[in-house]
Protein backbone atom coordinates (compact mmCIF):
# COMPACT_ATOMS: atom_id res chain seq x y z
CA MET A 1 -63.34 -84.29 47.92
CA ARG A 2 -60.45 -83.99 45.49
CA PHE A 3 -60.04 -80.31 46.45
CA LEU A 4 -59.89 -81.24 50.15
CA LEU A 5 -57.22 -83.87 49.46
CA ILE A 6 -55.14 -81.34 47.54
CA LEU A 7 -55.54 -78.78 50.34
CA MET A 8 -54.50 -81.38 52.95
CA ALA A 9 -51.45 -82.28 50.86
CA LEU A 10 -50.42 -78.63 50.59
CA THR A 11 -50.89 -78.15 54.32
CA ALA A 12 -48.71 -81.17 55.05
CA ALA A 13 -46.02 -79.93 52.67
CA TYR A 14 -45.90 -76.51 54.38
CA ALA A 15 -45.98 -77.47 58.05
CA ASP A 16 -44.17 -74.52 59.70
CA THR A 17 -46.23 -71.88 61.48
CA VAL A 18 -45.31 -68.23 61.99
CA VAL A 19 -47.44 -65.77 63.98
CA VAL A 20 -46.85 -62.03 63.60
CA ASP A 21 -47.65 -59.22 66.03
CA THR A 22 -50.97 -58.48 64.32
CA GLY A 23 -52.19 -61.95 65.33
CA ASP A 24 -52.09 -63.34 61.78
CA ARG A 25 -51.08 -67.01 61.66
CA LEU A 26 -49.09 -67.95 58.55
CA ASN A 27 -48.49 -71.54 57.50
CA GLY A 28 -45.68 -72.43 55.14
CA GLU A 29 -42.08 -73.54 54.95
CA ILE A 30 -39.43 -71.36 56.58
CA GLU A 31 -36.69 -70.83 54.01
CA LYS A 32 -34.19 -68.60 55.80
CA LEU A 33 -33.62 -65.55 57.97
CA GLU A 34 -31.19 -63.04 56.53
CA GLY A 35 -30.85 -59.28 56.65
CA GLY A 36 -33.54 -59.05 59.33
CA LYS A 37 -36.13 -60.69 57.02
CA LEU A 38 -37.70 -64.12 57.53
CA SER A 39 -38.56 -65.81 54.22
CA LEU A 40 -41.63 -68.06 54.36
CA ARG A 41 -42.77 -70.09 51.34
CA THR A 42 -46.55 -70.46 51.26
CA SER A 43 -48.95 -72.39 49.02
CA TYR A 44 -51.18 -69.34 48.52
CA ALA A 45 -48.79 -66.40 48.04
CA GLY A 46 -45.44 -67.90 47.09
CA SER A 47 -42.44 -66.75 49.08
CA ILE A 48 -43.05 -63.79 51.40
CA ARG A 49 -40.62 -61.83 53.58
CA ILE A 50 -41.49 -60.88 57.15
CA ASP A 51 -39.68 -58.46 59.45
CA TRP A 52 -38.03 -60.57 62.14
CA ASP A 53 -39.05 -58.02 64.76
CA LYS A 54 -42.72 -58.64 63.84
CA VAL A 55 -42.56 -62.40 64.54
CA VAL A 56 -44.03 -63.37 67.93
CA GLU A 57 -44.38 -67.16 67.52
CA ILE A 58 -42.60 -69.88 65.57
CA ASP A 59 -43.48 -73.56 65.40
CA SER A 60 -41.38 -75.59 62.94
CA GLU A 61 -41.71 -79.21 61.88
CA THR A 62 -38.26 -79.46 60.34
CA SER A 63 -34.75 -78.87 61.65
CA TYR A 64 -32.94 -75.58 61.05
CA GLN A 65 -29.43 -74.27 61.54
CA VAL A 66 -29.39 -71.08 63.63
CA GLU A 67 -26.49 -68.60 63.86
CA THR A 68 -26.23 -66.08 66.70
CA GLU A 69 -24.45 -62.74 66.96
CA ALA A 70 -21.66 -64.50 68.86
CA GLY A 71 -21.14 -66.84 65.90
CA LEU A 72 -22.61 -69.92 67.61
CA ARG A 73 -24.39 -72.40 65.35
CA LEU A 74 -27.28 -74.43 66.75
CA ARG A 75 -29.47 -77.05 65.07
CA GLY A 76 -32.97 -78.33 65.67
CA VAL A 77 -36.66 -77.59 65.40
CA LEU A 78 -37.74 -74.09 66.45
CA ARG A 79 -40.14 -72.96 69.18
CA ARG A 80 -40.66 -69.34 70.18
CA GLN A 81 -41.14 -68.97 73.95
CA GLY A 82 -41.46 -65.33 74.99
CA ASP A 83 -38.25 -63.51 74.22
CA TYR A 84 -36.40 -66.74 73.47
CA VAL A 85 -36.31 -69.28 70.66
CA VAL A 86 -35.84 -72.87 71.77
CA ILE A 87 -33.78 -74.95 69.38
CA GLY A 88 -33.84 -78.72 69.91
CA ALA A 89 -33.67 -82.09 68.19
CA GLY A 90 -37.35 -82.87 68.80
CA ASP A 91 -39.04 -86.08 69.97
CA ALA A 92 -41.72 -88.24 68.41
CA ASP A 93 -44.32 -85.52 68.91
CA ASN A 94 -41.85 -82.96 67.49
CA ALA A 95 -41.50 -81.17 70.84
CA PRO A 96 -38.03 -79.87 71.73
CA SER A 97 -35.95 -82.50 73.47
CA HIS A 98 -34.30 -82.19 76.87
CA GLU A 99 -31.07 -81.27 75.03
CA ALA A 100 -32.70 -78.18 73.54
CA ALA A 101 -30.91 -74.84 73.78
CA ALA A 102 -32.57 -71.46 74.16
CA THR A 103 -31.25 -68.23 72.69
CA ALA A 104 -32.62 -64.70 72.75
CA VAL A 105 -34.69 -63.71 69.73
CA THR A 106 -32.65 -60.54 69.28
CA SER A 107 -29.36 -62.51 69.14
CA ILE A 108 -30.36 -64.61 66.11
CA VAL A 109 -28.83 -63.18 62.94
CA ARG A 110 -29.67 -65.89 60.40
CA LEU A 111 -31.18 -69.32 60.02
CA GLU A 112 -31.56 -71.80 57.19
CA ASN A 113 -32.80 -75.32 56.59
CA ASP A 114 -30.51 -77.86 58.24
CA GLU A 115 -30.77 -80.26 55.32
CA ALA A 116 -27.68 -79.93 53.18
CA PRO A 117 -28.86 -77.92 50.13
CA GLY A 118 -27.16 -78.08 46.77
CA PHE A 119 -24.57 -75.56 45.65
CA TRP A 120 -26.99 -73.55 43.50
CA GLU A 121 -29.59 -73.39 46.30
CA THR A 122 -26.99 -71.88 48.65
CA LEU A 123 -25.31 -69.52 46.18
CA GLU A 124 -26.41 -65.89 46.49
CA GLY A 125 -25.41 -62.89 44.43
CA SER A 126 -26.26 -60.57 41.58
CA VAL A 127 -25.24 -59.71 38.02
CA GLY A 128 -25.57 -56.28 36.41
CA VAL A 129 -24.80 -54.73 33.02
CA GLY A 130 -24.69 -51.14 31.78
CA TYR A 131 -24.09 -49.43 28.44
CA ASN A 132 -23.81 -45.87 27.16
CA PHE A 133 -22.42 -44.12 24.10
CA THR A 134 -22.04 -40.68 22.55
CA ARG A 135 -21.81 -39.78 18.88
CA GLY A 136 -20.82 -36.43 17.39
CA ASN A 137 -17.49 -34.64 17.49
CA SER A 138 -16.06 -37.77 19.10
CA ASP A 139 -17.42 -41.30 19.31
CA GLN A 140 -17.33 -42.82 22.78
CA THR A 141 -18.61 -46.20 23.90
CA GLN A 142 -18.64 -47.61 27.42
CA ALA A 143 -20.04 -50.88 28.69
CA SER A 144 -19.85 -52.17 32.26
CA LEU A 145 -20.35 -55.50 33.98
CA THR A 146 -20.64 -56.15 37.71
CA ALA A 147 -21.13 -59.46 39.48
CA ARG A 148 -20.86 -60.74 43.00
CA GLY A 149 -21.62 -63.99 44.74
CA SER A 150 -21.25 -65.76 48.07
CA TYR A 151 -21.57 -69.37 49.17
CA ARG A 152 -22.04 -70.23 52.84
CA HIS A 153 -21.50 -73.64 54.33
CA ASP A 154 -21.09 -74.95 57.84
CA GLY A 155 -17.63 -73.76 58.84
CA TYR A 156 -16.60 -71.77 55.80
CA THR A 157 -17.65 -69.05 53.35
CA MET A 158 -16.57 -68.30 49.78
CA ARG A 159 -17.21 -64.96 48.11
CA GLY A 160 -16.13 -63.08 45.03
CA ASP A 161 -16.84 -59.95 43.01
CA LEU A 162 -16.11 -58.73 39.47
CA ASN A 163 -16.09 -55.14 38.21
CA SER A 164 -15.37 -54.46 34.53
CA ILE A 165 -15.46 -51.30 32.42
CA PHE A 166 -15.02 -51.54 28.65
CA ALA A 167 -14.33 -48.04 27.30
CA GLU A 168 -13.30 -46.93 23.82
CA VAL A 169 -12.82 -43.44 22.35
CA ASP A 170 -12.09 -42.73 18.70
CA ASP A 171 -8.45 -41.86 17.96
CA ALA A 172 -7.42 -42.67 21.54
CA GLU A 173 -6.21 -45.62 23.54
CA ARG A 174 -8.75 -47.82 25.25
CA GLN A 175 -9.55 -46.96 28.85
CA SER A 176 -10.82 -50.34 30.07
CA ARG A 177 -10.48 -51.63 33.61
CA HIS A 178 -11.17 -55.09 35.05
CA ALA A 179 -10.89 -56.29 38.65
CA LEU A 180 -11.66 -59.72 40.12
CA ASN A 181 -11.47 -60.47 43.86
CA THR A 182 -12.11 -63.80 45.61
CA ARG A 183 -11.83 -64.84 49.25
CA PHE A 184 -12.22 -68.08 51.18
CA ASP A 185 -12.91 -67.88 54.94
CA ARG A 186 -12.45 -70.86 57.25
CA TYR A 187 -13.88 -70.29 60.74
CA LEU A 188 -11.55 -71.08 63.63
CA SER A 189 -13.98 -69.96 66.34
CA PRO A 190 -17.36 -68.19 66.36
CA ASN A 191 -15.68 -64.80 65.80
CA SER A 192 -12.34 -65.58 64.14
CA PHE A 193 -11.36 -67.07 60.82
CA ALA A 194 -8.41 -67.74 58.56
CA PHE A 195 -8.70 -66.58 54.97
CA ALA A 196 -7.05 -67.11 51.60
CA LEU A 197 -7.49 -64.66 48.73
CA ALA A 198 -6.76 -64.23 45.05
CA ALA A 199 -7.13 -60.96 43.12
CA PHE A 200 -6.45 -59.94 39.53
CA GLU A 201 -6.57 -56.44 38.04
CA ARG A 202 -5.97 -54.92 34.62
CA ASN A 203 -6.14 -51.14 34.19
CA GLU A 204 -5.35 -49.59 30.83
CA ARG A 205 -5.67 -46.05 32.19
CA GLN A 206 -2.77 -46.82 34.55
CA GLN A 207 -0.88 -48.78 31.88
CA LEU A 208 -1.21 -51.82 34.13
CA ASP A 209 -1.25 -54.96 32.02
CA LEU A 210 -1.87 -57.29 34.97
CA ARG A 211 -1.56 -57.29 38.74
CA SER A 212 -1.96 -60.70 40.39
CA ARG A 213 -2.17 -61.21 44.14
CA LEU A 214 -2.23 -64.42 46.17
CA GLY A 215 -2.19 -64.43 49.94
CA GLY A 216 -3.97 -64.96 53.18
CA GLY A 217 -4.17 -64.10 56.84
CA PHE A 218 -6.56 -63.94 59.76
CA GLY A 219 -9.79 -62.07 60.37
CA TRP A 220 -11.98 -61.12 63.30
CA LYS A 221 -15.72 -60.65 63.04
CA VAL A 222 -16.29 -57.54 65.15
CA ILE A 223 -20.00 -57.22 64.30
CA ASN A 224 -22.25 -60.11 63.28
CA GLY A 225 -25.83 -58.82 63.40
CA ARG A 226 -29.06 -59.47 61.51
CA GLU A 227 -28.60 -56.31 59.49
CA GLY A 228 -24.84 -56.05 59.11
CA THR A 229 -21.35 -57.48 59.57
CA LEU A 230 -17.91 -55.95 60.10
CA ASP A 231 -14.73 -57.95 59.52
CA LEU A 232 -11.19 -56.83 60.38
CA LEU A 233 -8.48 -58.35 58.18
CA GLY A 234 -4.72 -58.75 58.52
CA GLY A 235 -2.23 -60.75 56.48
CA PHE A 236 0.15 -60.59 53.54
CA THR A 237 0.15 -61.25 49.79
CA LEU A 238 2.59 -62.18 47.07
CA THR A 239 2.04 -59.61 44.32
CA ASN A 240 3.15 -59.75 40.69
CA GLU A 241 2.87 -56.62 38.50
CA GLN A 242 3.51 -55.86 34.84
CA PHE A 243 3.23 -52.30 33.53
CA ARG A 244 3.64 -50.95 30.00
CA ALA A 245 6.51 -48.73 28.94
CA GLU A 246 5.86 -45.41 27.23
CA GLU A 247 6.43 -46.95 23.78
CA GLY A 248 3.78 -49.60 24.50
CA ASP A 249 6.14 -52.45 25.32
CA LEU A 250 5.86 -54.22 28.65
CA LEU A 251 8.18 -53.36 31.50
CA PRO A 252 9.93 -56.26 33.26
CA ARG A 253 7.53 -58.26 35.39
CA LYS A 254 8.13 -57.70 39.11
CA SER A 255 7.13 -59.84 42.05
CA THR A 256 7.03 -58.41 45.54
CA GLY A 257 5.51 -58.97 48.96
CA GLU A 258 2.83 -56.75 50.46
CA GLY A 259 1.16 -56.52 53.82
CA LEU A 260 -2.62 -56.42 54.12
CA LEU A 261 -4.57 -54.44 56.71
CA GLY A 262 -8.20 -53.45 56.36
CA PHE A 263 -11.86 -54.04 56.97
CA GLU A 264 -15.00 -55.15 55.15
CA TRP A 265 -18.49 -53.94 56.12
CA ARG A 266 -21.87 -55.10 54.85
CA SER A 267 -25.37 -53.94 55.80
CA SER A 268 -28.97 -54.29 54.63
CA ARG A 269 -30.76 -52.26 57.29
CA PHE A 270 -31.85 -49.41 55.03
CA TRP A 271 -35.13 -50.39 53.33
CA GLY A 272 -33.66 -53.54 51.81
CA VAL A 273 -30.73 -51.71 50.18
CA GLU A 274 -27.59 -53.83 50.47
CA LEU A 275 -24.49 -51.74 51.18
CA SER A 276 -20.88 -52.89 51.22
CA THR A 277 -17.50 -51.25 51.79
CA ARG A 278 -14.01 -52.73 51.62
CA LEU A 279 -10.86 -50.73 52.40
CA THR A 280 -7.39 -52.31 52.52
CA ALA A 281 -3.87 -50.92 52.86
CA HIS A 282 -0.93 -52.72 51.24
CA PRO A 283 2.50 -51.59 52.49
CA ASN A 284 5.25 -52.95 50.26
CA LEU A 285 7.61 -55.29 52.11
CA VAL A 286 10.41 -55.02 49.52
CA GLN A 287 10.27 -51.48 48.06
CA THR A 288 10.88 -49.17 50.99
CA GLY A 289 8.30 -46.41 51.36
CA ARG A 290 5.86 -47.69 48.74
CA TYR A 291 2.27 -48.51 49.67
CA ARG A 292 -1.08 -48.91 47.94
CA LEU A 293 -4.68 -48.35 49.06
CA GLU A 294 -7.67 -50.18 47.61
CA TYR A 295 -11.24 -49.03 48.18
CA ASP A 296 -14.44 -50.62 46.87
CA SER A 297 -18.00 -49.89 47.90
CA GLY A 298 -21.39 -50.61 46.43
CA ALA A 299 -25.14 -50.31 46.84
CA GLN A 300 -27.66 -52.81 45.53
CA ILE A 301 -31.12 -51.22 45.37
CA PRO A 302 -34.08 -53.60 44.89
CA LEU A 303 -36.55 -52.61 42.17
CA ILE A 304 -39.16 -55.26 41.28
CA ALA A 305 -39.28 -59.02 40.63
CA GLY A 306 -35.63 -59.55 41.56
CA PHE A 307 -34.29 -56.70 39.41
CA THR A 308 -31.82 -54.34 41.06
CA TRP A 309 -30.01 -51.10 40.40
CA ASN A 310 -26.34 -51.45 41.32
CA VAL A 311 -23.95 -48.58 42.00
CA SER A 312 -20.30 -49.21 42.82
CA LEU A 313 -17.37 -46.92 43.58
CA PHE A 314 -13.68 -47.78 43.37
CA ASP A 315 -10.41 -46.05 44.14
CA ARG A 316 -6.82 -47.27 43.71
CA TYR A 317 -3.98 -45.22 45.17
CA ASP A 318 -0.28 -45.95 44.61
CA ASN A 319 2.12 -43.48 46.22
CA LYS A 320 5.02 -44.60 43.99
CA PRO A 321 3.78 -45.80 40.60
CA PRO A 322 6.51 -47.36 38.39
CA ARG A 323 6.22 -44.47 35.88
CA GLU A 324 6.36 -40.86 37.01
CA GLU A 325 3.79 -39.63 34.47
CA LEU A 326 1.10 -41.95 35.83
CA GLU A 327 -1.47 -40.56 38.24
CA ARG A 328 -1.24 -41.83 41.79
CA ASN A 329 -5.01 -41.99 42.14
CA ASP A 330 -7.42 -43.87 39.87
CA TYR A 331 -11.10 -43.81 40.80
CA GLY A 332 -14.54 -44.05 39.27
CA MET A 333 -18.17 -45.07 39.53
CA VAL A 334 -20.10 -47.83 37.76
CA SER A 335 -23.90 -48.00 37.49
CA THR A 336 -25.67 -51.10 36.19
CA LEU A 337 -29.12 -52.67 36.00
CA GLY A 338 -29.08 -56.24 37.19
CA PHE A 339 -30.78 -59.24 38.72
CA SER A 340 -30.23 -60.78 42.13
CA PHE A 341 -30.46 -64.48 42.98
């Protein structure tokens, strides 16, 4: 009898039902849909991920927030009816109300519980570290740290990423590089948003002590699918730079204005591998003829139990660096072993 009571309690706690194309009926609690995968928490197998294309029926007891490719956000309990999902407030018997809205299954890009979760429950990202060294004719040590995170809320998104390389070589100057980028998006319509950004970079190979950027602009979400997004960005930034002189002293700090034109692409359609690319052009609004290009891309490859292998590429191009002996192009690759959350 006690076992039956426990089983009934577990069944009540996980009241959502998902049916897949094989006919299997799964009971649990729908957590979210993201990257083309529906996460279902069960009492018998923990959290499992199901291909959204394999789902043929949904019957939820709780309310969810649904986002479509067009950027529309709908709330309510879920019912799958043929090629459509009906989203409605629900009545006493938990059937969709007369105010329910129907949207095509293929147009749904993500969903999550409509109850306001805490910050840590909504935060997603990963952290990775790497280390290598050589000993012999010359001693070299290099450590790397990568981190990224995003926080989604109704009406806005915050995201940021960090890429650091700590490099030392005996009898030579350090070759470390650190870059931090953050962005806040406030949605103005389903496909448009205003953004504010802050970025900081230190690059000892380029004799750059610190570059700080604050700015903003407007963006347009060209693609908003289950397996990928593409944002176009346009705006301007106030940029402050301080380089080192040849003797090691700091050159005068300079502030200038820069334009910002570019795009950011993200995808997870390839076997769960998360890909991202960001390319921006920064024409100088004060120094005639000077412009910079910034490129960052990465791949997060799932391994096991939340562990990931992260590979990131970066490139910084300045057509008129403040010192003639500096290279115009600075690029590299970072590989780390990390954990996603």
